Amino acid sequence: MHPPQQAKQKNSTFTMATTTSEGPQMPWVEKYRPSKLEDLVAHEDIISIITRLIDNDNLPHLLLYGPPGTGKTSTIVAAAKKMYGSTYSSMTLELNASDSRGIDVVRNEIKEFAGTRQLFSKGIKLIILDEADAMTSDAQFALRRVIEKHTRNARFCLICNYVNKIIPALQSRCTRFRFAPLKQEQIRGRLKEVAEAEKVNITEDGVDSILNLSGGDMRRVLNLLQSTSMAYDCVDESNVYLTSGAPLPSDVKDVLEWLLNEGFKEAYEKLIGISSIKGYALPDLLTDLTAIVMGMDLPSGVLAVLLDGMSDVEYRLAFGTDEKLQAASLVGVFVKARHMMKVG
């Protein structure tokens, strides 16, 4: 009996897409990770500057910071492949959150890699410290001296989400680049190309839903697209929201309608009911409600009371307070605002 044939590799419009004929399918985040600087969809200014620095053989120490999924790691990895080509693995050291980044790693592994020269390779080495904001203060202070001592032989690239967690002494030794969240127009084209390459049945409202939920995070876009396509035959608005666990826009509108028009008891019972039946978390509902309230034409005093009250509810939820109690508090905020509008 012959073993079952492996599924044929799907055609891809991306030069950086790679799959194996054996084993499970790669996550699309890795499958479609750009391998060349030209494949990146955003931050043209940053990419052009880094490209010129590489071409002029004048790359400084780098500090790349910004929200997750904005292309920081992809940019420096693509830059390293442009610099080294086939010798990439021997000339580059990558350390990320899964590695220990205490002072011992700085003194031993990083220092040893930066201090040694390759016999048949020319040029400077590149040390990539991903999620550098998780490094201990002692390790960051130890890294200062390592950077200075081995500048002739190596370049360092620190990647982080929060630049304020990097000590000023390290920041001053690096050229800083901020990676802003990606715009929806930048993501849309790449999303449709991946969907076409993977033969995903996706609707226009499904594309819009993924973009709205992504928050400018390309990693989340591809993960959500892959998860929804695996769970459902069609990637439309409803299925995207069901996969992500985020409240449906229609449900958020219903909640707002209850808060603005129902009595305290009725609004509270309906809010608890929809949260229990559909498994919505109150913080998620609060986020969507805030966006809608900000777009409403309300008197300044009423808007201030609503936002102040909703922020207090969100603050208390962040400390693990009971959601039912905070749901009652949220209803109370809207009842108070309604009373102000009647009096006014």
Protein backbone atom coordinates (compact mmCIF):
# COMPACT_ATOMS: atom_id res chain seq x y z
CA MET A 1 0.00 0.00 0.00
CA HIS A 2 1.45 3.32 -1.07
CA PRO A 3 1.76 6.13 1.48
CA PRO A 4 -0.53 9.11 0.84
CA GLN A 5 0.90 11.78 -1.38
CA GLN A 6 2.05 14.97 0.25
CA ALA A 7 -0.05 18.03 -0.53
CA LYS A 8 1.41 20.03 -3.39
CA GLN A 9 3.09 23.27 -2.50
CA LYS A 10 0.86 26.27 -3.22
CA ASN A 11 2.16 28.80 -5.69
CA SER A 12 3.25 32.05 -4.11
CA THR A 13 3.75 35.53 -5.53
CA PHE A 14 6.52 36.15 -2.98
CA THR A 15 10.17 35.50 -3.59
CA MET A 16 10.70 35.08 0.15
CA ALA A 17 8.05 32.38 0.57
CA THR A 18 9.44 28.93 1.27
CA THR A 19 7.75 25.67 2.18
CA THR A 20 9.01 22.20 2.77
CA SER A 21 7.66 19.09 1.09
CA GLU A 22 7.70 17.27 4.41
CA GLY A 23 6.25 18.01 7.80
CA PRO A 24 3.56 20.46 8.88
CA GLN A 25 2.87 23.70 7.04
CA MET A 26 4.88 26.70 8.20
CA PRO A 27 3.08 29.55 9.96
CA TRP A 28 2.37 32.22 7.38
CA VAL A 29 4.16 34.79 9.53
CA GLU A 30 7.43 32.94 8.88
CA LYS A 31 6.55 31.69 5.41
CA TYR A 32 6.03 35.21 4.11
CA ARG A 33 8.66 37.00 6.18
CA PRO A 34 10.55 39.32 3.78
CA SER A 35 14.09 38.16 2.98
CA LYS A 36 15.03 41.32 1.08
CA LEU A 37 14.73 44.97 2.03
CA GLU A 38 12.80 45.60 -1.18
CA ASP A 39 10.03 43.22 -0.02
CA LEU A 40 9.13 45.28 3.06
CA VAL A 41 5.84 47.15 2.67
CA ALA A 42 6.44 50.22 4.84
CA HIS A 43 9.02 52.54 6.44
CA GLU A 44 10.58 53.49 3.13
CA ASP A 45 12.65 56.28 4.71
CA ILE A 46 14.23 53.96 7.28
CA ILE A 47 14.92 51.27 4.69
CA SER A 48 16.52 53.74 2.27
CA ILE A 49 18.80 55.11 5.01
CA ILE A 50 19.88 51.62 6.14
CA THR A 51 20.45 50.60 2.50
CA ARG A 52 22.70 53.61 1.89
CA LEU A 53 24.64 52.93 5.09
CA ILE A 54 25.22 49.32 4.02
CA ASP A 55 26.22 50.31 0.47
CA ASN A 56 28.71 52.84 1.86
CA ASP A 57 30.04 50.26 4.34
CA ASN A 58 29.25 52.68 7.15
CA LEU A 59 26.64 50.90 9.27
CA PRO A 60 26.48 52.28 12.86
CA HIS A 61 25.08 50.60 15.96
CA LEU A 62 21.30 50.57 15.60
CA LEU A 63 18.34 50.86 17.97
CA LEU A 64 15.03 49.88 16.37
CA TYR A 65 11.95 50.47 18.49
CA GLY A 66 8.18 50.52 18.06
CA PRO A 67 5.03 48.39 18.56
CA PRO A 68 5.03 44.64 17.80
CA GLY A 69 4.56 43.46 14.23
CA THR A 70 5.83 46.63 12.54
CA GLY A 71 8.83 45.06 10.79
CA LYS A 72 11.77 45.72 13.13
CA THR A 73 13.20 42.20 13.13
CA SER A 74 12.39 41.61 9.45
CA THR A 75 14.23 44.81 8.52
CA ILE A 76 17.48 44.00 10.29
CA VAL A 77 17.45 40.34 9.20
CA ALA A 78 16.92 41.40 5.57
CA ALA A 79 19.71 43.98 5.97
CA ALA A 80 22.03 41.31 7.37
CA LYS A 81 21.32 39.00 4.43
CA LYS A 82 22.09 41.87 2.07
CA MET A 83 25.40 42.47 3.87
CA TYR A 84 26.61 38.89 4.18
CA GLY A 85 24.76 36.74 1.65
CA SER A 86 25.84 33.11 2.07
CA THR A 87 27.96 33.87 5.17
CA TYR A 88 24.95 35.25 7.08
CA SER A 89 24.88 32.45 9.67
CA SER A 90 28.55 32.76 10.59
CA MET A 91 28.66 36.56 10.69
CA THR A 92 25.43 37.19 12.63
CA LEU A 93 24.48 36.40 16.23
CA GLU A 94 20.77 36.59 17.08
CA LEU A 95 19.55 36.56 20.67
CA ASN A 96 15.87 36.95 21.51
CA ALA A 97 13.43 36.66 24.41
CA SER A 98 13.87 32.90 24.64
CA ASP A 99 17.55 33.32 25.51
CA SER A 100 18.96 34.36 28.85
CA ARG A 101 20.15 37.95 28.60
CA GLY A 102 21.72 38.41 31.99
CA ILE A 103 25.17 39.79 32.62
CA ASP A 104 26.81 36.35 32.08
CA VAL A 105 25.58 36.20 28.47
CA VAL A 106 26.98 39.68 27.79
CA ARG A 107 30.34 38.83 29.37
CA ASN A 108 30.65 35.41 27.74
CA GLU A 109 28.64 34.67 24.60
CA ILE A 110 28.29 38.19 23.17
CA LYS A 111 31.83 39.24 24.10
CA GLU A 112 33.33 36.06 22.65
CA PHE A 113 31.41 36.37 19.37
CA ALA A 114 32.28 40.07 18.98
CA GLY A 115 35.95 39.53 19.81
CA THR A 116 36.71 36.69 17.40
CA ARG A 117 37.44 37.07 13.68
CA GLN A 118 36.37 34.68 10.94
CA LEU A 119 39.26 33.16 9.00
CA PHE A 120 37.73 33.35 5.51
CA SER A 121 35.14 36.12 6.03
CA LYS A 122 35.75 39.83 5.72
CA GLY A 123 33.86 42.73 7.22
CA ILE A 124 32.22 43.47 10.54
CA LYS A 125 29.99 41.07 12.43
CA LEU A 126 26.40 41.87 13.38
CA ILE A 127 24.90 41.11 16.81
CA ILE A 128 21.08 41.36 16.96
CA LEU A 129 19.54 41.64 20.43
CA ASP A 130 15.79 41.24 19.94
CA GLU A 131 13.48 42.48 22.72
CA ALA A 132 16.42 44.22 24.35
CA ASP A 133 14.07 45.99 26.77
CA ALA A 134 13.86 42.67 28.65
CA MET A 135 17.58 42.78 29.46
CA THR A 136 18.48 43.42 33.07
CA SER A 137 20.00 46.77 34.02
CA ASP A 138 23.31 45.09 34.93
CA ALA A 139 23.44 43.42 31.52
CA GLN A 140 22.74 46.73 29.76
CA PHE A 141 25.49 48.49 31.73
CA ALA A 142 27.92 45.65 30.91
CA LEU A 143 26.94 45.91 27.25
CA ARG A 144 28.11 49.54 27.12
CA ARG A 145 31.75 48.61 27.45
CA VAL A 146 31.43 45.63 25.08
CA ILE A 147 30.00 47.90 22.37
CA GLU A 148 32.83 50.43 22.76
CA LYS A 149 35.58 47.84 22.90
CA HIS A 150 34.48 45.85 19.84
CA THR A 151 33.27 48.65 17.55
CA ARG A 152 36.13 47.95 15.15
CA ASN A 153 35.02 44.34 14.70
CA ALA A 154 31.25 44.26 15.26
CA ARG A 155 28.02 46.22 15.07
CA PHE A 156 25.13 45.88 17.50
CA CYS A 157 21.42 46.18 16.71
CA LEU A 158 19.07 46.50 19.68
CA ILE A 159 15.36 45.86 19.02
CA CYS A 160 12.68 46.74 21.56
CA ASN A 161 9.06 47.79 21.98
CA TYR A 162 9.68 50.38 24.71
CA VAL A 163 12.70 52.61 24.19
CA ASN A 164 12.40 54.09 27.69
CA LYS A 165 13.48 50.70 29.09
CA ILE A 166 16.86 51.02 27.37
CA ILE A 167 19.36 52.91 29.52
CA PRO A 168 20.40 56.34 28.13
CA ALA A 169 24.04 55.24 27.90
CA LEU A 170 23.08 52.58 25.32
CA GLN A 171 20.68 54.87 23.47
CA SER A 172 23.44 57.44 22.98
CA ARG A 173 25.70 54.83 21.36
CA CYS A 174 23.11 53.87 18.73
CA THR A 175 21.34 55.46 15.78
CA ARG A 176 17.66 55.30 16.63
CA PHE A 177 14.83 54.43 14.23
CA ARG A 178 11.18 54.41 15.28
CA PHE A 179 8.88 51.93 13.55
CA ALA A 180 5.32 53.28 13.63
CA PRO A 181 2.25 51.01 13.32
CA LEU A 182 1.56 50.11 9.71
CA LYS A 183 -1.21 51.96 7.89
CA GLN A 184 -4.18 49.99 6.60
CA GLU A 185 -3.35 50.95 3.00
CA GLN A 186 0.12 49.43 3.43
CA ILE A 187 -1.24 46.20 4.89
CA ARG A 188 -4.16 45.70 2.51
CA GLY A 189 -2.09 44.88 -0.56
CA ARG A 190 0.13 42.35 1.23
CA LEU A 191 -2.91 40.75 2.90
CA LYS A 192 -4.64 40.22 -0.45
CA GLU A 193 -1.46 38.82 -2.02
CA VAL A 194 -1.06 36.26 0.78
CA ALA A 195 -4.75 35.33 0.55
CA GLU A 196 -4.41 34.84 -3.22
CA ALA A 197 -1.21 32.84 -2.85
CA GLU A 198 -2.84 30.52 -0.29
CA LYS A 199 -6.13 30.37 -2.26
CA VAL A 200 -8.13 31.76 0.67
CA ASN A 201 -11.78 32.57 0.01
CA ILE A 202 -11.91 36.05 1.57
CA THR A 203 -14.56 38.75 1.22
CA GLU A 204 -14.02 42.52 1.21
CA ASP A 205 -15.65 42.89 4.62
CA GLY A 206 -13.35 40.12 5.86
CA VAL A 207 -10.33 42.14 4.71
CA ASP A 208 -11.69 45.26 6.44
CA SER A 209 -12.35 43.31 9.65
CA ILE A 210 -8.80 41.93 9.79
CA LEU A 211 -7.39 45.42 9.19
CA ASN A 212 -9.58 46.94 11.91
CA LEU A 213 -8.53 44.29 14.43
CA SER A 214 -4.83 44.38 13.53
CA GLY A 215 -3.94 47.76 15.02
CA GLY A 216 -1.15 48.12 12.45
CA ASP A 217 0.44 44.77 13.43
CA MET A 218 1.36 42.74 10.34
CA ARG A 219 2.08 39.68 12.46
CA ARG A 220 -1.46 39.74 13.85
CA VAL A 221 -2.88 40.22 10.35
CA LEU A 222 -1.28 37.05 9.00
CA ASN A 223 -2.02 35.01 12.13
CA LEU A 224 -5.68 36.04 12.05
CA LEU A 225 -5.95 35.32 8.32
CA GLN A 226 -4.43 31.86 8.74
CA SER A 227 -6.51 30.99 11.81
CA THR A 228 -9.79 32.07 10.21
CA SER A 229 -9.05 30.26 6.93
CA MET A 230 -8.31 27.05 8.84
CA ALA A 231 -11.51 27.29 10.91
CA TYR A 232 -13.95 28.40 8.19
CA ASP A 233 -14.38 27.98 4.44
CA CYS A 234 -14.99 31.70 3.99
CA VAL A 235 -13.08 34.52 5.66
CA ASP A 236 -15.82 37.12 6.15
CA GLU A 237 -16.54 39.69 8.86
CA SER A 238 -18.49 37.36 11.13
CA ASN A 239 -15.95 34.53 10.98
CA VAL A 240 -13.00 36.89 11.55
CA TYR A 241 -14.57 38.29 14.71
CA LEU A 242 -15.57 34.80 15.91
CA THR A 243 -11.99 33.59 15.45
CA SER A 244 -10.41 36.58 17.17
CA GLY A 245 -12.88 36.59 20.08
CA ALA A 246 -13.44 40.34 19.62
CA PRO A 247 -17.02 41.66 19.98
CA LEU A 248 -18.99 41.88 16.75
CA PRO A 249 -19.67 45.50 15.70
CA SER A 250 -23.41 44.76 15.67
CA ASP A 251 -23.24 43.52 19.27
CA VAL A 252 -21.30 46.61 20.36
CA LYS A 253 -24.00 48.81 18.78
CA ASP A 254 -26.68 46.85 20.67
CA VAL A 255 -24.80 47.34 23.96
CA LEU A 256 -24.52 51.08 23.32
CA GLU A 257 -28.24 51.23 22.49
CA TRP A 258 -29.08 49.59 25.83
CA LEU A 259 -26.77 51.87 27.77
CA LEU A 260 -28.26 54.98 26.20
CA ASN A 261 -31.94 54.05 26.35
CA GLU A 262 -32.72 51.20 28.78
CA GLY A 263 -33.25 51.52 32.53
CA PHE A 264 -30.43 50.59 34.90
CA LYS A 265 -31.66 47.06 35.68
CA GLU A 266 -32.61 46.18 32.09
CA ALA A 267 -29.34 47.51 30.65
CA TYR A 268 -27.27 45.69 33.27
CA GLU A 269 -29.05 42.35 32.71
CA LYS A 270 -28.68 42.58 28.92
CA LEU A 271 -25.00 43.54 29.19
CA ILE A 272 -24.26 40.61 31.51
CA GLY A 273 -26.34 38.32 29.31
CA ILE A 274 -24.50 39.05 26.06
CA SER A 275 -21.13 38.85 27.82
CA SER A 276 -21.98 35.42 29.25
CA ILE A 277 -23.58 33.97 26.13
CA LYS A 278 -20.96 35.16 23.64
CA GLY A 279 -17.97 35.15 26.01
CA TYR A 280 -17.08 38.82 25.58
CA ALA A 281 -14.62 40.37 27.99
CA LEU A 282 -15.71 43.70 29.42
CA PRO A 283 -12.37 45.42 28.58
CA ASP A 284 -12.89 44.55 24.89
CA LEU A 285 -16.40 46.00 24.95
CA LEU A 286 -15.06 49.12 26.69
CA THR A 287 -12.43 49.67 23.99
CA ASP A 288 -15.02 49.52 21.20
CA LEU A 289 -17.54 51.61 23.13
CA THR A 290 -14.92 54.31 23.70
CA ALA A 291 -14.21 54.56 19.98
CA ILE A 292 -17.94 55.00 19.21
CA VAL A 293 -18.55 57.48 22.04
CA MET A 294 -15.62 59.62 20.86
CA GLY A 295 -17.30 59.93 17.47
CA MET A 296 -20.69 60.97 18.86
CA ASP A 297 -21.87 64.58 18.93
CA LEU A 298 -22.20 65.01 22.70
CA PRO A 299 -21.89 68.10 24.92
CA SER A 300 -18.38 68.53 26.27
CA GLY A 301 -19.43 68.04 29.90
CA VAL A 302 -21.33 64.82 29.14
CA LEU A 303 -18.45 63.44 27.05
CA ALA A 304 -16.00 64.23 29.85
CA VAL A 305 -18.16 62.40 32.43
CA LEU A 306 -18.50 59.35 30.14
CA LEU A 307 -14.78 59.07 29.36
CA ASP A 308 -13.76 59.69 32.97
CA GLY A 309 -16.16 57.03 34.23
CA MET A 310 -15.21 54.51 31.55
CA SER A 311 -11.50 55.04 32.24
CA ASP A 312 -12.12 54.36 35.95
CA VAL A 313 -13.92 51.10 35.06
CA GLU A 314 -11.04 50.03 32.80
CA TYR A 315 -8.49 50.92 35.48
CA ARG A 316 -10.28 48.79 38.08
CA LEU A 317 -10.63 45.89 35.61
CA ALA A 318 -6.86 45.99 35.05
CA PHE A 319 -6.39 45.11 38.72
CA GLY A 320 -8.61 42.03 38.47
CA THR A 321 -11.83 43.30 40.03
CA ASP A 322 -15.14 41.47 39.47
CA GLU A 323 -16.48 42.03 35.95
CA LYS A 324 -20.13 41.95 37.00
CA LEU A 325 -19.54 44.68 39.54
CA GLN A 326 -17.70 46.79 36.96
CA ALA A 327 -20.46 46.15 34.41
CA ALA A 328 -22.89 47.70 36.89
CA SER A 329 -20.50 50.62 37.31
CA LEU A 330 -20.37 51.08 33.52
CA VAL A 331 -24.17 51.19 33.32
CA GLY A 332 -24.14 53.72 36.15
CA VAL A 333 -21.76 55.96 34.21
CA PHE A 334 -24.15 56.11 31.25
CA VAL A 335 -27.20 56.63 33.49
CA LYS A 336 -25.42 59.58 35.09
CA ALA A 337 -24.56 61.04 31.67
CA ARG A 338 -28.15 60.64 30.52
CA HIS A 339 -29.38 62.45 33.62
CA MET A 340 -26.98 65.33 32.89
CA MET A 341 -28.34 65.66 29.37
CA LYS A 342 -31.94 65.79 30.63
CA VAL A 343 -31.10 68.39 33.25
CA GLY A 344 -29.09 70.43 30.80
